Amino acid sequence: PRLQIYSFHMPLFFFLSGFLFSSKGSFK
């Protein structure tokens, strides 16, 4: 169970962050 969790739990959060990413507006 531990090995399975560590194989994807952080990739899941970064995937969701990328899914919601928006570059609208200026860099500031």
PDB file of all heavy atoms in Angstrom:
ATOM      1  N   PRO A   1       0.818  -1.228   0.000  1.00  0.00           N
ATOM      2  CA  PRO A   1       0.000   0.000   0.000  1.00  0.00           C
ATOM      3  C   PRO A   1       0.845   1.269   0.000  1.00  0.00           C
ATOM      4  O   PRO A   1       0.522   2.241  -0.692  1.00  0.00           O
ATOM      5  CB  PRO A   1      -0.822  -0.135   1.288  1.00  0.00           C
ATOM      6  CG  PRO A   1      -0.925  -1.600   1.511  1.00  0.00           C
ATOM      7  CD  PRO A   1       0.394  -2.158   1.077  1.00  0.00           C
ATOM      8  N   ARG A   2       1.919   1.268   0.772  1.00  0.00           N
ATOM      9  CA  ARG A   2       2.789   2.448   0.821  1.00  0.00           C
ATOM     10  C   ARG A   2       3.465   2.691  -0.532  1.00  0.00           C
ATOM     11  O   ARG A   2       3.536   3.828  -1.011  1.00  0.00           O
ATOM     12  CB  ARG A   2       3.842   2.270   1.910  1.00  0.00           C
ATOM     13  CG  ARG A   2       4.734   3.499   2.102  1.00  0.00           C
ATOM     14  CD  ARG A   2       5.725   3.299   3.240  1.00  0.00           C
ATOM     15  NE  ARG A   2       6.444   4.534   3.507  1.00  0.00           N
ATOM     16  CZ  ARG A   2       6.000   5.494   4.304  1.00  0.00           C
ATOM     17  NH1 ARG A   2       4.831   5.340   4.919  1.00  0.00           N
ATOM     18  NH2 ARG A   2       6.706   6.593   4.504  1.00  0.00           N
ATOM     19  N   LEU A   3       3.952   1.628  -1.143  1.00  0.00           N
ATOM     20  CA  LEU A   3       4.604   1.758  -2.439  1.00  0.00           C
ATOM     21  C   LEU A   3       3.631   2.287  -3.490  1.00  0.00           C
ATOM     22  O   LEU A   3       4.005   3.129  -4.324  1.00  0.00           O
ATOM     23  CB  LEU A   3       5.165   0.402  -2.884  1.00  0.00           C
ATOM     24  CG  LEU A   3       6.319  -0.166  -2.050  1.00  0.00           C
ATOM     25  CD1 LEU A   3       6.699  -1.555  -2.542  1.00  0.00           C
ATOM     26  CD2 LEU A   3       7.533   0.764  -2.090  1.00  0.00           C
ATOM     27  N   GLN A   4       2.399   1.818  -3.456  1.00  0.00           N
ATOM     28  CA  GLN A   4       1.402   2.280  -4.417  1.00  0.00           C
ATOM     29  C   GLN A   4       1.098   3.760  -4.230  1.00  0.00           C
ATOM     30  O   GLN A   4       0.992   4.520  -5.203  1.00  0.00           O
ATOM     31  CB  GLN A   4       0.119   1.454  -4.290  1.00  0.00           C
ATOM     32  CG  GLN A   4       0.233   0.036  -4.809  1.00  0.00           C
ATOM     33  CD  GLN A   4       0.590  -0.025  -6.275  1.00  0.00           C
ATOM     34  OE1 GLN A   4       0.177   0.822  -7.064  1.00  0.00           O
ATOM     35  NE2 GLN A   4       1.387  -1.014  -6.647  1.00  0.00           N
ATOM     36  N   ILE A   5       0.945   4.181  -2.997  1.00  0.00           N
ATOM     37  CA  ILE A   5       0.640   5.590  -2.722  1.00  0.00           C
ATOM     38  C   ILE A   5       1.759   6.491  -3.219  1.00  0.00           C
ATOM     39  O   ILE A   5       1.518   7.496  -3.897  1.00  0.00           O
ATOM     40  CB  ILE A   5       0.397   5.801  -1.209  1.00  0.00           C
ATOM     41  CG1 ILE A   5      -0.948   5.186  -0.807  1.00  0.00           C
ATOM     42  CG2 ILE A   5       0.422   7.292  -0.868  1.00  0.00           C
ATOM     43  CD1 ILE A   5      -1.206   5.210   0.677  1.00  0.00           C
ATOM     44  N   TYR A   6       2.990   6.124  -2.913  1.00  0.00           N
ATOM     45  CA  TYR A   6       4.119   6.975  -3.281  1.00  0.00           C
ATOM     46  C   TYR A   6       4.418   6.937  -4.776  1.00  0.00           C
ATOM     47  O   TYR A   6       5.196   7.758  -5.267  1.00  0.00           O
ATOM     48  CB  TYR A   6       5.359   6.582  -2.476  1.00  0.00           C
ATOM     49  CG  TYR A   6       5.416   7.297  -1.147  1.00  0.00           C
ATOM     50  CD1 TYR A   6       4.712   6.825  -0.046  1.00  0.00           C
ATOM     51  CD2 TYR A   6       6.145   8.474  -1.001  1.00  0.00           C
ATOM     52  CE1 TYR A   6       4.735   7.484   1.168  1.00  0.00           C
ATOM     53  CE2 TYR A   6       6.173   9.148   0.205  1.00  0.00           C
ATOM     54  CZ  TYR A   6       5.466   8.649   1.278  1.00  0.00           C
ATOM     55  OH  TYR A   6       5.492   9.323   2.475  1.00  0.00           O
ATOM     56  N   SER A   7       3.802   6.030  -5.494  1.00  0.00           N
ATOM     57  CA  SER A   7       4.036   5.971  -6.933  1.00  0.00           C
ATOM     58  C   SER A   7       3.249   7.025  -7.701  1.00  0.00           C
ATOM     59  O   SER A   7       3.554   7.300  -8.865  1.00  0.00           O
ATOM     60  CB  SER A   7       3.675   4.575  -7.461  1.00  0.00           C
ATOM     61  OG  SER A   7       2.271   4.358  -7.420  1.00  0.00           O
ATOM     62  N   PHE A   8       2.240   7.640  -7.045  1.00  0.00           N
ATOM     63  CA  PHE A   8       1.428   8.587  -7.822  1.00  0.00           C
ATOM     64  C   PHE A   8       0.780   9.704  -7.017  1.00  0.00           C
ATOM     65  O   PHE A   8       0.176  10.608  -7.620  1.00  0.00           O
ATOM     66  CB  PHE A   8       0.320   7.832  -8.568  1.00  0.00           C
ATOM     67  CG  PHE A   8      -0.841   7.400  -7.704  1.00  0.00           C
ATOM     68  CD1 PHE A   8      -1.952   8.214  -7.558  1.00  0.00           C
ATOM     69  CD2 PHE A   8      -0.822   6.188  -7.035  1.00  0.00           C
ATOM     70  CE1 PHE A   8      -3.026   7.833  -6.768  1.00  0.00           C
ATOM     71  CE2 PHE A   8      -1.885   5.798  -6.246  1.00  0.00           C
ATOM     72  CZ  PHE A   8      -2.995   6.620  -6.113  1.00  0.00           C
ATOM     73  N   HIS A   9       0.870   9.728  -5.688  1.00  0.00           N
ATOM     74  CA  HIS A   9       0.081  10.733  -4.967  1.00  0.00           C
ATOM     75  C   HIS A   9       0.554  12.162  -5.246  1.00  0.00           C
ATOM     76  O   HIS A   9      -0.269  13.070  -5.386  1.00  0.00           O
ATOM     77  CB  HIS A   9       0.033  10.431  -3.467  1.00  0.00           C
ATOM     78  CG  HIS A   9       1.306  10.635  -2.724  1.00  0.00           C
ATOM     79  ND1 HIS A   9       2.531  10.277  -3.230  1.00  0.00           N
ATOM     80  CD2 HIS A   9       1.551  11.149  -1.492  1.00  0.00           C
ATOM     81  CE1 HIS A   9       3.465  10.566  -2.338  1.00  0.00           C
ATOM     82  NE2 HIS A   9       2.902  11.107  -1.290  1.00  0.00           N
ATOM     83  N   MET A  10       1.855  12.406  -5.387  1.00  0.00           N
ATOM     84  CA  MET A  10       2.316  13.748  -5.731  1.00  0.00           C
ATOM     85  C   MET A  10       2.097  14.058  -7.215  1.00  0.00           C
ATOM     86  O   MET A  10       1.677  15.178  -7.548  1.00  0.00           O
ATOM     87  CB  MET A  10       3.784  13.929  -5.347  1.00  0.00           C
ATOM     88  CG  MET A  10       4.042  13.849  -3.843  1.00  0.00           C
ATOM     89  SD  MET A  10       2.846  14.791  -2.843  1.00  0.00           S
ATOM     90  CE  MET A  10       3.080  16.452  -3.454  1.00  0.00           C
ATOM     91  N   PRO A  11       2.376  13.112  -8.132  1.00  0.00           N
ATOM     92  CA  PRO A  11       2.013  13.377  -9.532  1.00  0.00           C
ATOM     93  C   PRO A  11       0.547  13.767  -9.705  1.00  0.00           C
ATOM     94  O   PRO A  11       0.220  14.595 -10.559  1.00  0.00           O
ATOM     95  CB  PRO A  11       2.322  12.039 -10.221  1.00  0.00           C
ATOM     96  CG  PRO A  11       3.476  11.492  -9.444  1.00  0.00           C
ATOM     97  CD  PRO A  11       3.166  11.869  -8.012  1.00  0.00           C
ATOM     98  N   LEU A  12      -0.344  13.191  -8.895  1.00  0.00           N
ATOM     99  CA  LEU A  12      -1.761  13.533  -8.976  1.00  0.00           C
ATOM    100  C   LEU A  12      -1.979  15.021  -8.729  1.00  0.00           C
ATOM    101  O   LEU A  12      -2.692  15.699  -9.488  1.00  0.00           O
ATOM    102  CB  LEU A  12      -2.558  12.712  -7.960  1.00  0.00           C
ATOM    103  CG  LEU A  12      -4.026  13.106  -7.765  1.00  0.00           C
ATOM    104  CD1 LEU A  12      -4.823  12.877  -9.040  1.00  0.00           C
ATOM    105  CD2 LEU A  12      -4.642  12.325  -6.598  1.00  0.00           C
ATOM    106  N   PHE A  13      -1.366  15.560  -7.684  1.00  0.00           N
ATOM    107  CA  PHE A  13      -1.563  16.976  -7.359  1.00  0.00           C
ATOM    108  C   PHE A  13      -0.959  17.885  -8.419  1.00  0.00           C
ATOM    109  O   PHE A  13      -1.533  18.923  -8.763  1.00  0.00           O
ATOM    110  CB  PHE A  13      -0.978  17.290  -5.982  1.00  0.00           C
ATOM    111  CG  PHE A  13      -1.877  16.893  -4.855  1.00  0.00           C
ATOM    112  CD1 PHE A  13      -1.663  15.714  -4.161  1.00  0.00           C
ATOM    113  CD2 PHE A  13      -2.953  17.684  -4.498  1.00  0.00           C
ATOM    114  CE1 PHE A  13      -2.502  15.342  -3.124  1.00  0.00           C
ATOM    115  CE2 PHE A  13      -3.810  17.316  -3.464  1.00  0.00           C
ATOM    116  CZ  PHE A  13      -3.577  16.141  -2.784  1.00  0.00           C
ATOM    117  N   PHE A  14       0.196  17.516  -8.951  1.00  0.00           N
ATOM    118  CA  PHE A  14       0.802  18.351  -9.984  1.00  0.00           C
ATOM    119  C   PHE A  14       0.022  18.257 -11.297  1.00  0.00           C
ATOM    120  O   PHE A  14      -0.077  19.235 -12.034  1.00  0.00           O
ATOM    121  CB  PHE A  14       2.268  17.966 -10.180  1.00  0.00           C
ATOM    122  CG  PHE A  14       3.135  18.386  -9.020  1.00  0.00           C
ATOM    123  CD1 PHE A  14       3.784  17.450  -8.234  1.00  0.00           C
ATOM    124  CD2 PHE A  14       3.294  19.727  -8.707  1.00  0.00           C
ATOM    125  CE1 PHE A  14       4.577  17.839  -7.165  1.00  0.00           C
ATOM    126  CE2 PHE A  14       4.079  20.139  -7.642  1.00  0.00           C
ATOM    127  CZ  PHE A  14       4.726  19.188  -6.868  1.00  0.00           C
ATOM    128  N   PHE A  15      -0.535  17.100 -11.591  1.00  0.00           N
ATOM    129  CA  PHE A  15      -1.402  16.961 -12.762  1.00  0.00           C
ATOM    130  C   PHE A  15      -2.612  17.886 -12.625  1.00  0.00           C
ATOM    131  O   PHE A  15      -2.962  18.607 -13.565  1.00  0.00           O
ATOM    132  CB  PHE A  15      -1.871  15.505 -12.894  1.00  0.00           C
ATOM    133  CG  PHE A  15      -2.936  15.299 -13.945  1.00  0.00           C
ATOM    134  CD1 PHE A  15      -2.588  14.983 -15.245  1.00  0.00           C
ATOM    135  CD2 PHE A  15      -4.277  15.419 -13.621  1.00  0.00           C
ATOM    136  CE1 PHE A  15      -3.571  14.804 -16.227  1.00  0.00           C
ATOM    137  CE2 PHE A  15      -5.264  15.238 -14.586  1.00  0.00           C
ATOM    138  CZ  PHE A  15      -4.906  14.937 -15.891  1.00  0.00           C
ATOM    139  N   LEU A  16      -3.256  17.876 -11.458  1.00  0.00           N
ATOM    140  CA  LEU A  16      -4.431  18.721 -11.246  1.00  0.00           C
ATOM    141  C   LEU A  16      -4.068  20.199 -11.318  1.00  0.00           C
ATOM    142  O   LEU A  16      -4.835  21.014 -11.840  1.00  0.00           O
ATOM    143  CB  LEU A  16      -5.069  18.392  -9.895  1.00  0.00           C
ATOM    144  CG  LEU A  16      -5.645  16.976  -9.755  1.00  0.00           C
ATOM    145  CD1 LEU A  16      -6.114  16.730  -8.327  1.00  0.00           C
ATOM    146  CD2 LEU A  16      -6.787  16.744 -10.738  1.00  0.00           C
ATOM    147  N   SER A  17      -2.890  20.555 -10.804  1.00  0.00           N
ATOM    148  CA  SER A  17      -2.439  21.952 -10.880  1.00  0.00           C
ATOM    149  C   SER A  17      -2.230  22.366 -12.328  1.00  0.00           C
ATOM    150  O   SER A  17      -2.594  23.477 -12.724  1.00  0.00           O
ATOM    151  CB  SER A  17      -1.139  22.129 -10.083  1.00  0.00           C
ATOM    152  OG  SER A  17      -1.339  21.845  -8.714  1.00  0.00           O
ATOM    153  N   GLY A  18      -1.641  21.481 -13.126  1.00  0.00           N
ATOM    154  CA  GLY A  18      -1.466  21.781 -14.537  1.00  0.00           C
ATOM    155  C   GLY A  18      -2.787  21.861 -15.276  1.00  0.00           C
ATOM    156  O   GLY A  18      -2.975  22.698 -16.163  1.00  0.00           O
ATOM    157  N   PHE A  19      -3.714  21.022 -14.895  1.00  0.00           N
ATOM    158  CA  PHE A  19      -5.048  21.025 -15.506  1.00  0.00           C
ATOM    159  C   PHE A  19      -5.738  22.369 -15.277  1.00  0.00           C
ATOM    160  O   PHE A  19      -6.471  22.859 -16.142  1.00  0.00           O
ATOM    161  CB  PHE A  19      -5.877  19.891 -14.919  1.00  0.00           C
ATOM    162  CG  PHE A  19      -7.193  19.664 -15.597  1.00  0.00           C
ATOM    163  CD1 PHE A  19      -7.283  18.832 -16.708  1.00  0.00           C
ATOM    164  CD2 PHE A  19      -8.354  20.267 -15.139  1.00  0.00           C
ATOM    165  CE1 PHE A  19      -8.500  18.622 -17.354  1.00  0.00           C
ATOM    166  CE2 PHE A  19      -9.568  20.065 -15.766  1.00  0.00           C
ATOM    167  CZ  PHE A  19      -9.651  19.232 -16.883  1.00  0.00           C
ATOM    168  N   LEU A  20      -5.512  22.967 -14.126  1.00  0.00           N
ATOM    169  CA  LEU A  20      -6.168  24.236 -13.775  1.00  0.00           C
ATOM    170  C   LEU A  20      -5.338  25.456 -14.153  1.00  0.00           C
ATOM    171  O   LEU A  20      -5.782  26.590 -13.958  1.00  0.00           O
ATOM    172  CB  LEU A  20      -6.439  24.269 -12.265  1.00  0.00           C
ATOM    173  CG  LEU A  20      -7.426  23.228 -11.732  1.00  0.00           C
ATOM    174  CD1 LEU A  20      -7.476  23.281 -10.209  1.00  0.00           C
ATOM    175  CD2 LEU A  20      -8.813  23.440 -12.318  1.00  0.00           C
ATOM    176  N   PHE A  21      -4.143  25.243 -14.692  1.00  0.00           N
ATOM    177  CA  PHE A  21      -3.230  26.350 -14.963  1.00  0.00           C
ATOM    178  C   PHE A  21      -3.802  27.326 -15.983  1.00  0.00           C
ATOM    179  O   PHE A  21      -4.411  26.926 -16.977  1.00  0.00           O
ATOM    180  CB  PHE A  21      -1.894  25.809 -15.480  1.00  0.00           C
ATOM    181  CG  PHE A  21      -0.898  26.888 -15.812  1.00  0.00           C
ATOM    182  CD1 PHE A  21      -0.112  27.454 -14.818  1.00  0.00           C
ATOM    183  CD2 PHE A  21      -0.756  27.336 -17.120  1.00  0.00           C
ATOM    184  CE1 PHE A  21       0.802  28.459 -15.124  1.00  0.00           C
ATOM    185  CE2 PHE A  21       0.154  28.325 -17.437  1.00  0.00           C
ATOM    186  CZ  PHE A  21       0.941  28.894 -16.436  1.00  0.00           C
ATOM    187  N   SER A  22      -3.577  28.615 -15.708  1.00  0.00           N
ATOM    188  CA  SER A  22      -3.977  29.663 -16.635  1.00  0.00           C
ATOM    189  C   SER A  22      -2.882  30.720 -16.686  1.00  0.00           C
ATOM    190  O   SER A  22      -2.365  31.139 -15.654  1.00  0.00           O
ATOM    191  CB  SER A  22      -5.301  30.305 -16.208  1.00  0.00           C
ATOM    192  OG  SER A  22      -5.603  31.415 -17.030  1.00  0.00           O
ATOM    193  N   SER A  23      -2.534  31.149 -17.901  1.00  0.00           N
ATOM    194  CA  SER A  23      -1.489  32.163 -18.067  1.00  0.00           C
ATOM    195  C   SER A  23      -2.076  33.503 -18.492  1.00  0.00           C
ATOM    196  O   SER A  23      -1.362  34.351 -19.040  1.00  0.00           O
ATOM    197  CB  SER A  23      -0.467  31.685 -19.099  1.00  0.00           C
ATOM    198  OG  SER A  23      -1.087  31.443 -20.356  1.00  0.00           O
ATOM    199  N   LYS A  24      -3.361  33.687 -18.252  1.00  0.00           N
ATOM    200  CA  LYS A  24      -4.006  34.933 -18.650  1.00  0.00           C
ATOM    201  C   LYS A  24      -3.427  36.115 -17.870  1.00  0.00           C
ATOM    202  O   LYS A  24      -3.064  35.990 -16.708  1.00  0.00           O
ATOM    203  CB  LYS A  24      -5.511  34.840 -18.413  1.00  0.00           C
ATOM    204  CG  LYS A  24      -6.226  33.859 -19.338  1.00  0.00           C
ATOM    205  CD  LYS A  24      -7.722  33.840 -19.059  1.00  0.00           C
ATOM    206  CE  LYS A  24      -8.441  32.855 -19.983  1.00  0.00           C
ATOM    207  NZ  LYS A  24      -9.904  32.818 -19.714  1.00  0.00           N
ATOM    208  N   GLY A  25      -3.379  37.257 -18.528  1.00  0.00           N
ATOM    209  CA  GLY A  25      -2.890  38.457 -17.865  1.00  0.00           C
ATOM    210  C   GLY A  25      -1.386  38.616 -17.992  1.00  0.00           C
ATOM    211  O   GLY A  25      -0.676  37.756 -18.527  1.00  0.00           O
ATOM    212  N   SER A  26      -0.894  39.719 -17.465  1.00  0.00           N
ATOM    213  CA  SER A  26       0.546  39.992 -17.492  1.00  0.00           C
ATOM    214  C   SER A  26       1.273  39.131 -16.486  1.00  0.00           C
ATOM    215  O   SER A  26       0.658  38.541 -15.591  1.00  0.00           O
ATOM    216  CB  SER A  26       0.793  41.469 -17.175  1.00  0.00           C
ATOM    217  OG  SER A  26       0.432  41.744 -15.829  1.00  0.00           O
ATOM    218  N   PHE A  27       2.593  39.076 -16.627  1.00  0.00           N
ATOM    219  CA  PHE A  27       3.371  38.292 -15.674  1.00  0.00           C
ATOM    220  C   PHE A  27       3.250  38.876 -14.273  1.00  0.00           C
ATOM    221  O   PHE A  27       3.211  38.128 -13.283  1.00  0.00           O
ATOM    222  CB  PHE A  27       4.842  38.249 -16.085  1.00  0.00           C
ATOM    223  CG  PHE A  27       5.706  37.511 -15.102  1.00  0.00           C
ATOM    224  CD1 PHE A  27       5.559  36.143 -14.905  1.00  0.00           C
ATOM    225  CD2 PHE A  27       6.650  38.195 -14.331  1.00  0.00           C
ATOM    226  CE1 PHE A  27       6.340  35.460 -13.984  1.00  0.00           C
ATOM    227  CE2 PHE A  27       7.430  37.524 -13.412  1.00  0.00           C
ATOM    228  CZ  PHE A  27       7.278  36.148 -13.243  1.00  0.00           C
ATOM    229  N   LYS A  28       3.161  40.195 -14.159  1.00  0.00           N
ATOM    230  CA  LYS A  28       3.020  40.831 -12.850  1.00  0.00           C
ATOM    231  C   LYS A  28       1.732  40.375 -12.169  1.00  0.00           C
ATOM    232  O   LYS A  28       1.735  40.030 -10.978  1.00  0.00           O
ATOM    233  CB  LYS A  28       3.031  42.352 -12.994  1.00  0.00           C
ATOM    234  CG  LYS A  28       2.884  43.088 -11.669  1.00  0.00           C
ATOM    235  CD  LYS A  28       2.892  44.600 -11.869  1.00  0.00           C
ATOM    236  CE  LYS A  28       2.708  45.317 -10.543  1.00  0.00           C
ATOM    237  NZ  LYS A  28       2.702  46.805 -10.712  1.00  0.00           N
TER     238      LYS A  28
END
